[in-house]
N, C-alpha and C. Protein backbone atom coordinates (compact mmCIF):
# COMPACT_ATOMS: atom_id res chain seq x y z
N GLN A 1 10.46 9.22 14.89
CA GLN A 1 9.45 9.67 13.95
C GLN A 1 9.78 9.12 12.57
N VAL A 2 8.79 8.60 11.89
CA VAL A 2 8.95 8.04 10.56
C VAL A 2 8.10 8.84 9.61
N GLN A 3 8.67 9.17 8.45
CA GLN A 3 7.89 9.83 7.40
C GLN A 3 7.84 8.92 6.18
N LEU A 4 6.69 8.94 5.53
CA LEU A 4 6.46 8.08 4.38
C LEU A 4 6.14 8.94 3.15
N VAL A 5 6.79 8.63 2.04
CA VAL A 5 6.56 9.36 0.79
C VAL A 5 6.19 8.35 -0.28
N GLU A 6 4.99 8.49 -0.83
CA GLU A 6 4.52 7.59 -1.86
C GLU A 6 4.73 8.17 -3.25
N SER A 7 4.84 7.30 -4.23
CA SER A 7 4.95 7.71 -5.61
C SER A 7 4.45 6.56 -6.50
N GLY A 8 4.21 6.91 -7.78
CA GLY A 8 3.86 5.86 -8.73
C GLY A 8 2.42 5.83 -9.18
N GLY A 9 1.58 6.68 -8.62
CA GLY A 9 0.21 6.68 -9.05
C GLY A 9 0.05 7.29 -10.43
N GLY A 10 -1.16 7.21 -10.97
CA GLY A 10 -1.38 7.78 -12.30
C GLY A 10 -2.67 7.27 -12.89
N LEU A 11 -2.81 7.54 -14.19
CA LEU A 11 -3.97 7.13 -14.96
C LEU A 11 -3.59 5.94 -15.83
N VAL A 12 -4.39 4.90 -15.81
CA VAL A 12 -4.12 3.71 -16.58
C VAL A 12 -5.43 3.12 -17.09
N GLN A 13 -5.38 2.43 -18.20
CA GLN A 13 -6.57 1.78 -18.73
C GLN A 13 -6.83 0.46 -18.00
N ALA A 14 -8.07 0.05 -18.02
CA ALA A 14 -8.41 -1.24 -17.39
C ALA A 14 -7.55 -2.36 -17.98
N GLY A 15 -7.09 -3.24 -17.12
CA GLY A 15 -6.20 -4.31 -17.52
C GLY A 15 -4.72 -3.95 -17.43
N GLY A 16 -4.43 -2.68 -17.21
CA GLY A 16 -3.05 -2.24 -17.12
C GLY A 16 -2.44 -2.45 -15.76
N SER A 17 -1.20 -1.96 -15.63
CA SER A 17 -0.46 -2.16 -14.38
C SER A 17 0.17 -0.85 -13.90
N LEU A 18 0.36 -0.75 -12.61
CA LEU A 18 1.10 0.33 -11.98
C LEU A 18 1.87 -0.25 -10.81
N ARG A 19 2.97 0.41 -10.46
CA ARG A 19 3.70 0.03 -9.26
C ARG A 19 3.83 1.24 -8.37
N LEU A 20 3.31 1.14 -7.17
CA LEU A 20 3.43 2.19 -6.19
C LEU A 20 4.64 1.93 -5.30
N SER A 21 5.32 3.01 -4.93
CA SER A 21 6.46 2.92 -4.02
C SER A 21 6.16 3.76 -2.78
N CYS A 22 6.70 3.33 -1.68
CA CYS A 22 6.54 4.06 -0.41
C CYS A 22 7.88 4.04 0.31
N ALA A 23 8.57 5.17 0.30
CA ALA A 23 9.88 5.27 0.91
C ALA A 23 9.76 5.82 2.33
N ALA A 24 10.38 5.13 3.26
CA ALA A 24 10.31 5.53 4.67
C ALA A 24 11.62 6.21 5.06
N SER A 25 11.50 7.36 5.70
CA SER A 25 12.70 8.02 6.25
C SER A 25 12.68 7.84 7.75
N GLY A 26 13.84 7.69 8.33
CA GLY A 26 13.89 7.38 9.76
C GLY A 26 13.99 5.89 9.98
N ARG A 27 14.31 5.51 11.15
CA ARG A 27 14.54 4.11 11.46
C ARG A 27 13.23 3.34 11.52
N THR A 28 13.22 2.18 10.89
CA THR A 28 12.07 1.28 11.01
C THR A 28 12.53 0.01 11.70
N ASN A 29 11.78 -0.44 12.66
CA ASN A 29 12.14 -1.59 13.46
C ASN A 29 11.56 -2.88 12.95
N ASN A 30 12.10 -3.99 13.43
CA ASN A 30 11.69 -5.28 12.86
C ASN A 30 10.34 -5.76 13.40
N ASN A 31 9.65 -4.97 14.18
CA ASN A 31 8.31 -5.34 14.60
C ASN A 31 7.28 -4.50 13.87
N TYR A 32 7.67 -3.78 12.85
CA TYR A 32 6.74 -2.91 12.12
C TYR A 32 5.99 -3.71 11.07
N GLY A 33 4.76 -3.29 10.80
CA GLY A 33 4.00 -3.77 9.69
C GLY A 33 3.82 -2.67 8.69
N PHE A 34 3.85 -2.97 7.41
CA PHE A 34 3.75 -1.97 6.35
C PHE A 34 2.49 -2.27 5.54
N GLY A 35 1.52 -1.39 5.69
CA GLY A 35 0.22 -1.63 5.05
C GLY A 35 -0.07 -0.70 3.90
N TRP A 36 -0.96 -1.17 3.05
CA TRP A 36 -1.51 -0.34 1.98
C TRP A 36 -3.02 -0.26 2.18
N PHE A 37 -3.53 0.95 2.02
CA PHE A 37 -4.96 1.20 2.13
C PHE A 37 -5.37 2.07 0.94
N ARG A 38 -6.67 2.11 0.70
CA ARG A 38 -7.16 2.99 -0.37
C ARG A 38 -8.49 3.57 0.03
N GLN A 39 -8.76 4.74 -0.56
CA GLN A 39 -10.00 5.43 -0.27
C GLN A 39 -10.56 6.00 -1.56
N ALA A 40 -11.74 5.52 -1.92
CA ALA A 40 -12.44 6.05 -3.09
C ALA A 40 -13.39 7.17 -2.64
N PRO A 41 -13.77 8.05 -3.54
CA PRO A 41 -14.65 9.17 -3.16
C PRO A 41 -15.93 8.66 -2.53
N GLY A 42 -16.25 9.24 -1.36
CA GLY A 42 -17.48 8.88 -0.67
C GLY A 42 -17.46 7.58 0.06
N LYS A 43 -16.30 6.95 0.09
CA LYS A 43 -16.19 5.65 0.79
C LYS A 43 -15.17 5.72 1.90
N GLU A 44 -15.24 4.75 2.80
CA GLU A 44 -14.26 4.68 3.88
C GLU A 44 -12.95 4.13 3.37
N ARG A 45 -11.89 4.50 4.10
CA ARG A 45 -10.57 3.95 3.76
C ARG A 45 -10.56 2.46 4.05
N GLU A 46 -10.10 1.66 3.08
CA GLU A 46 -10.14 0.22 3.24
C GLU A 46 -8.76 -0.41 3.08
N PHE A 47 -8.61 -1.54 3.73
CA PHE A 47 -7.35 -2.28 3.68
C PHE A 47 -7.16 -2.89 2.30
N VAL A 48 -5.88 -2.90 1.83
CA VAL A 48 -5.54 -3.50 0.56
C VAL A 48 -4.56 -4.66 0.75
N ALA A 49 -3.43 -4.36 1.43
CA ALA A 49 -2.39 -5.37 1.57
C ALA A 49 -1.48 -4.98 2.72
N VAL A 50 -0.73 -5.97 3.25
CA VAL A 50 0.23 -5.70 4.29
C VAL A 50 1.42 -6.64 4.13
N VAL A 51 2.58 -6.15 4.52
CA VAL A 51 3.80 -6.98 4.53
C VAL A 51 4.54 -6.73 5.82
N ASN A 52 5.20 -7.76 6.36
CA ASN A 52 5.91 -7.54 7.61
C ASN A 52 7.31 -6.98 7.29
N TRP A 53 8.09 -6.72 8.34
CA TRP A 53 9.35 -6.02 8.17
C TRP A 53 10.32 -6.81 7.28
N SER A 54 10.35 -8.15 7.46
CA SER A 54 11.31 -8.94 6.68
C SER A 54 10.84 -9.19 5.26
N GLY A 55 9.53 -8.99 5.03
CA GLY A 55 8.97 -9.29 3.71
C GLY A 55 8.51 -10.72 3.55
N ALA A 56 8.63 -11.53 4.61
CA ALA A 56 8.31 -12.93 4.51
C ALA A 56 6.81 -13.21 4.61
N TYR A 57 6.08 -12.28 5.20
CA TYR A 57 4.65 -12.46 5.39
C TYR A 57 3.88 -11.38 4.67
N THR A 58 2.89 -11.77 3.90
CA THR A 58 2.00 -10.82 3.23
C THR A 58 0.58 -11.31 3.37
N TYR A 59 -0.33 -10.34 3.28
CA TYR A 59 -1.78 -10.66 3.35
C TYR A 59 -2.51 -9.64 2.50
N TYR A 60 -3.58 -10.10 1.81
CA TYR A 60 -4.28 -9.26 0.87
C TYR A 60 -5.78 -9.27 1.10
N ALA A 61 -6.39 -8.15 0.76
CA ALA A 61 -7.85 -8.12 0.69
C ALA A 61 -8.32 -9.03 -0.44
N ASP A 62 -9.48 -9.64 -0.25
CA ASP A 62 -9.99 -10.55 -1.28
C ASP A 62 -10.14 -9.86 -2.62
N SER A 63 -10.47 -8.59 -2.62
CA SER A 63 -10.74 -7.85 -3.84
C SER A 63 -9.49 -7.69 -4.73
N VAL A 64 -8.30 -7.83 -4.13
CA VAL A 64 -7.06 -7.63 -4.90
C VAL A 64 -6.20 -8.89 -4.97
N LYS A 65 -6.61 -9.92 -4.27
CA LYS A 65 -5.78 -11.15 -4.21
C LYS A 65 -5.61 -11.71 -5.61
N GLY A 66 -4.37 -12.07 -5.91
CA GLY A 66 -4.07 -12.60 -7.24
C GLY A 66 -3.73 -11.55 -8.28
N ARG A 67 -4.00 -10.27 -7.96
CA ARG A 67 -3.70 -9.18 -8.90
C ARG A 67 -2.63 -8.24 -8.36
N PHE A 68 -2.64 -8.01 -7.05
CA PHE A 68 -1.69 -7.10 -6.42
C PHE A 68 -0.65 -7.88 -5.63
N THR A 69 0.55 -7.34 -5.59
CA THR A 69 1.64 -7.94 -4.80
C THR A 69 2.38 -6.85 -4.06
N THR A 70 2.55 -7.03 -2.76
CA THR A 70 3.34 -6.10 -1.98
C THR A 70 4.65 -6.74 -1.59
N SER A 71 5.69 -5.92 -1.55
CA SER A 71 7.02 -6.42 -1.21
C SER A 71 7.80 -5.32 -0.52
N ARG A 72 8.94 -5.70 0.03
CA ARG A 72 9.71 -4.77 0.79
C ARG A 72 11.20 -4.88 0.44
N ASP A 73 11.84 -3.75 0.21
CA ASP A 73 13.28 -3.67 -0.03
C ASP A 73 13.90 -3.10 1.23
N ILE A 74 14.49 -3.98 2.03
CA ILE A 74 15.02 -3.54 3.33
C ILE A 74 16.14 -2.50 3.19
N PRO A 75 17.18 -2.74 2.36
CA PRO A 75 18.24 -1.73 2.27
C PRO A 75 17.74 -0.36 1.84
N LYS A 76 16.73 -0.32 0.99
CA LYS A 76 16.19 0.97 0.53
C LYS A 76 15.10 1.48 1.46
N ASN A 77 14.70 0.69 2.44
CA ASN A 77 13.63 1.08 3.36
C ASN A 77 12.38 1.50 2.58
N THR A 78 12.05 0.72 1.61
CA THR A 78 10.95 1.04 0.70
C THR A 78 10.00 -0.17 0.56
N VAL A 79 8.73 0.14 0.47
CA VAL A 79 7.71 -0.87 0.24
C VAL A 79 7.06 -0.61 -1.11
N TYR A 80 6.70 -1.67 -1.79
CA TYR A 80 6.10 -1.57 -3.11
C TYR A 80 4.74 -2.24 -3.16
N LEU A 81 3.90 -1.72 -4.05
CA LEU A 81 2.62 -2.38 -4.34
C LEU A 81 2.55 -2.50 -5.85
N GLN A 82 2.73 -3.69 -6.35
CA GLN A 82 2.62 -3.96 -7.78
C GLN A 82 1.16 -4.29 -8.07
N MET A 83 0.55 -3.53 -8.95
CA MET A 83 -0.87 -3.71 -9.25
C MET A 83 -1.03 -4.11 -10.71
N ASN A 84 -1.52 -5.30 -10.94
CA ASN A 84 -1.74 -5.82 -12.28
C ASN A 84 -3.23 -6.05 -12.49
N GLY A 85 -3.63 -6.14 -13.73
CA GLY A 85 -5.04 -6.39 -14.01
C GLY A 85 -5.96 -5.37 -13.38
N LEU A 86 -5.60 -4.10 -13.50
CA LEU A 86 -6.38 -3.07 -12.78
C LEU A 86 -7.78 -2.94 -13.38
N LYS A 87 -8.70 -2.64 -12.49
CA LYS A 87 -10.12 -2.48 -12.84
C LYS A 87 -10.57 -1.09 -12.46
N PRO A 88 -11.64 -0.58 -13.10
CA PRO A 88 -12.13 0.76 -12.73
C PRO A 88 -12.46 0.87 -11.24
N GLU A 89 -12.90 -0.21 -10.63
CA GLU A 89 -13.21 -0.16 -9.21
C GLU A 89 -11.98 -0.07 -8.30
N ASP A 90 -10.80 -0.17 -8.88
CA ASP A 90 -9.57 0.05 -8.12
C ASP A 90 -9.24 1.54 -8.01
N THR A 91 -9.98 2.39 -8.70
CA THR A 91 -9.74 3.81 -8.64
C THR A 91 -9.90 4.34 -7.22
N ALA A 92 -8.86 5.01 -6.71
CA ALA A 92 -8.87 5.50 -5.33
C ALA A 92 -7.56 6.23 -5.07
N VAL A 93 -7.51 6.90 -3.93
CA VAL A 93 -6.24 7.39 -3.40
C VAL A 93 -5.65 6.27 -2.56
N TYR A 94 -4.40 5.94 -2.87
CA TYR A 94 -3.73 4.83 -2.18
C TYR A 94 -2.75 5.39 -1.16
N TYR A 95 -2.79 4.80 0.05
CA TYR A 95 -1.96 5.24 1.15
C TYR A 95 -1.09 4.09 1.63
N CYS A 96 0.16 4.38 1.95
CA CYS A 96 0.93 3.40 2.70
C CYS A 96 0.98 3.85 4.16
N ALA A 97 1.16 2.91 5.05
CA ALA A 97 1.13 3.19 6.46
C ALA A 97 2.00 2.19 7.22
N ILE A 98 2.43 2.60 8.39
CA ILE A 98 3.27 1.74 9.25
C ILE A 98 2.58 1.57 10.58
N SER A 99 2.55 0.32 11.05
CA SER A 99 2.06 0.03 12.39
C SER A 99 3.18 -0.54 13.22
N VAL A 100 3.11 -0.33 14.51
CA VAL A 100 4.12 -0.82 15.43
C VAL A 100 3.59 -2.03 16.15
N SER A 101 4.32 -3.14 16.03
CA SER A 101 3.96 -4.40 16.68
C SER A 101 2.60 -4.93 16.21
N TYR A 102 2.26 -4.66 14.97
CA TYR A 102 0.98 -5.14 14.42
C TYR A 102 1.14 -5.31 12.94
N VAL A 103 0.72 -6.47 12.45
CA VAL A 103 0.73 -6.73 11.01
C VAL A 103 -0.65 -7.23 10.66
N GLY A 104 -1.54 -6.33 10.29
CA GLY A 104 -2.91 -6.72 10.10
C GLY A 104 -3.68 -5.75 9.24
N THR A 105 -4.99 -5.87 9.27
CA THR A 105 -5.87 -5.17 8.35
C THR A 105 -6.57 -3.93 8.95
N ASP A 106 -6.49 -3.73 10.23
CA ASP A 106 -7.26 -2.68 10.88
C ASP A 106 -6.49 -1.36 10.88
N LYS A 107 -7.03 -0.38 10.20
CA LYS A 107 -6.32 0.89 10.02
C LYS A 107 -6.11 1.65 11.32
N GLN A 108 -6.89 1.38 12.35
CA GLN A 108 -6.75 2.12 13.62
C GLN A 108 -5.41 1.82 14.30
N TYR A 109 -4.76 0.73 13.93
CA TYR A 109 -3.51 0.38 14.55
C TYR A 109 -2.31 0.90 13.81
N TYR A 110 -2.54 1.63 12.74
CA TYR A 110 -1.43 2.17 11.97
C TYR A 110 -1.15 3.61 12.42
N THR A 111 0.12 3.87 12.72
CA THR A 111 0.53 5.12 13.33
C THR A 111 0.99 6.16 12.33
N TYR A 112 1.79 5.71 11.36
CA TYR A 112 2.37 6.65 10.41
C TYR A 112 1.71 6.44 9.05
N TRP A 113 1.40 7.55 8.38
CA TRP A 113 0.70 7.49 7.10
C TRP A 113 1.42 8.39 6.08
N GLY A 114 1.40 7.91 4.83
CA GLY A 114 1.87 8.75 3.74
C GLY A 114 0.80 9.73 3.29
N GLN A 115 1.15 10.54 2.32
CA GLN A 115 0.24 11.60 1.87
C GLN A 115 -0.81 11.09 0.88
N GLY A 116 -0.58 9.91 0.35
CA GLY A 116 -1.51 9.33 -0.61
C GLY A 116 -1.10 9.62 -2.04
N THR A 117 -1.45 8.71 -2.94
CA THR A 117 -1.21 8.90 -4.37
C THR A 117 -2.44 8.43 -5.14
N GLN A 118 -2.84 9.20 -6.12
CA GLN A 118 -4.07 8.90 -6.85
C GLN A 118 -3.84 7.85 -7.91
N VAL A 119 -4.69 6.85 -7.93
CA VAL A 119 -4.71 5.84 -9.00
C VAL A 119 -6.09 5.92 -9.66
N THR A 120 -6.08 6.13 -10.97
CA THR A 120 -7.32 6.22 -11.73
C THR A 120 -7.27 5.20 -12.85
N VAL A 121 -8.30 4.35 -12.90
CA VAL A 121 -8.36 3.30 -13.92
C VAL A 121 -9.56 3.59 -14.80
N SER A 122 -9.31 3.79 -16.07
CA SER A 122 -10.38 4.09 -17.02
C SER A 122 -10.89 2.79 -17.66
N ALA A 123 -12.18 2.81 -17.97
CA ALA A 123 -12.80 1.59 -18.54
C ALA A 123 -12.39 1.42 -20.01
């Protein structure tokens, strides 16, 4: 069983930056994928970014490409989402998640989820 704890959300002005952290407790295997998703009020949860276990592979949604960066600290068993150039439309609850034997964009393949952290970007 893996538990995920997110931190780092908050209120920021447009153009600002935030870094989200997602600490995993329990063993994580080298076939895991670590994804970030977000959900705005009244909208479906959508894919943001994913990184594989080694950190060598990353993939981003078009809406965040060039602004967000995800990375992984293996010794700390932690995943990060660095968000730069934030826009009001980035406002959402952000979730980290782990999938087994899958590194992709489809949330149905993610087994473990964090509790979510609120990111609010003011205009």
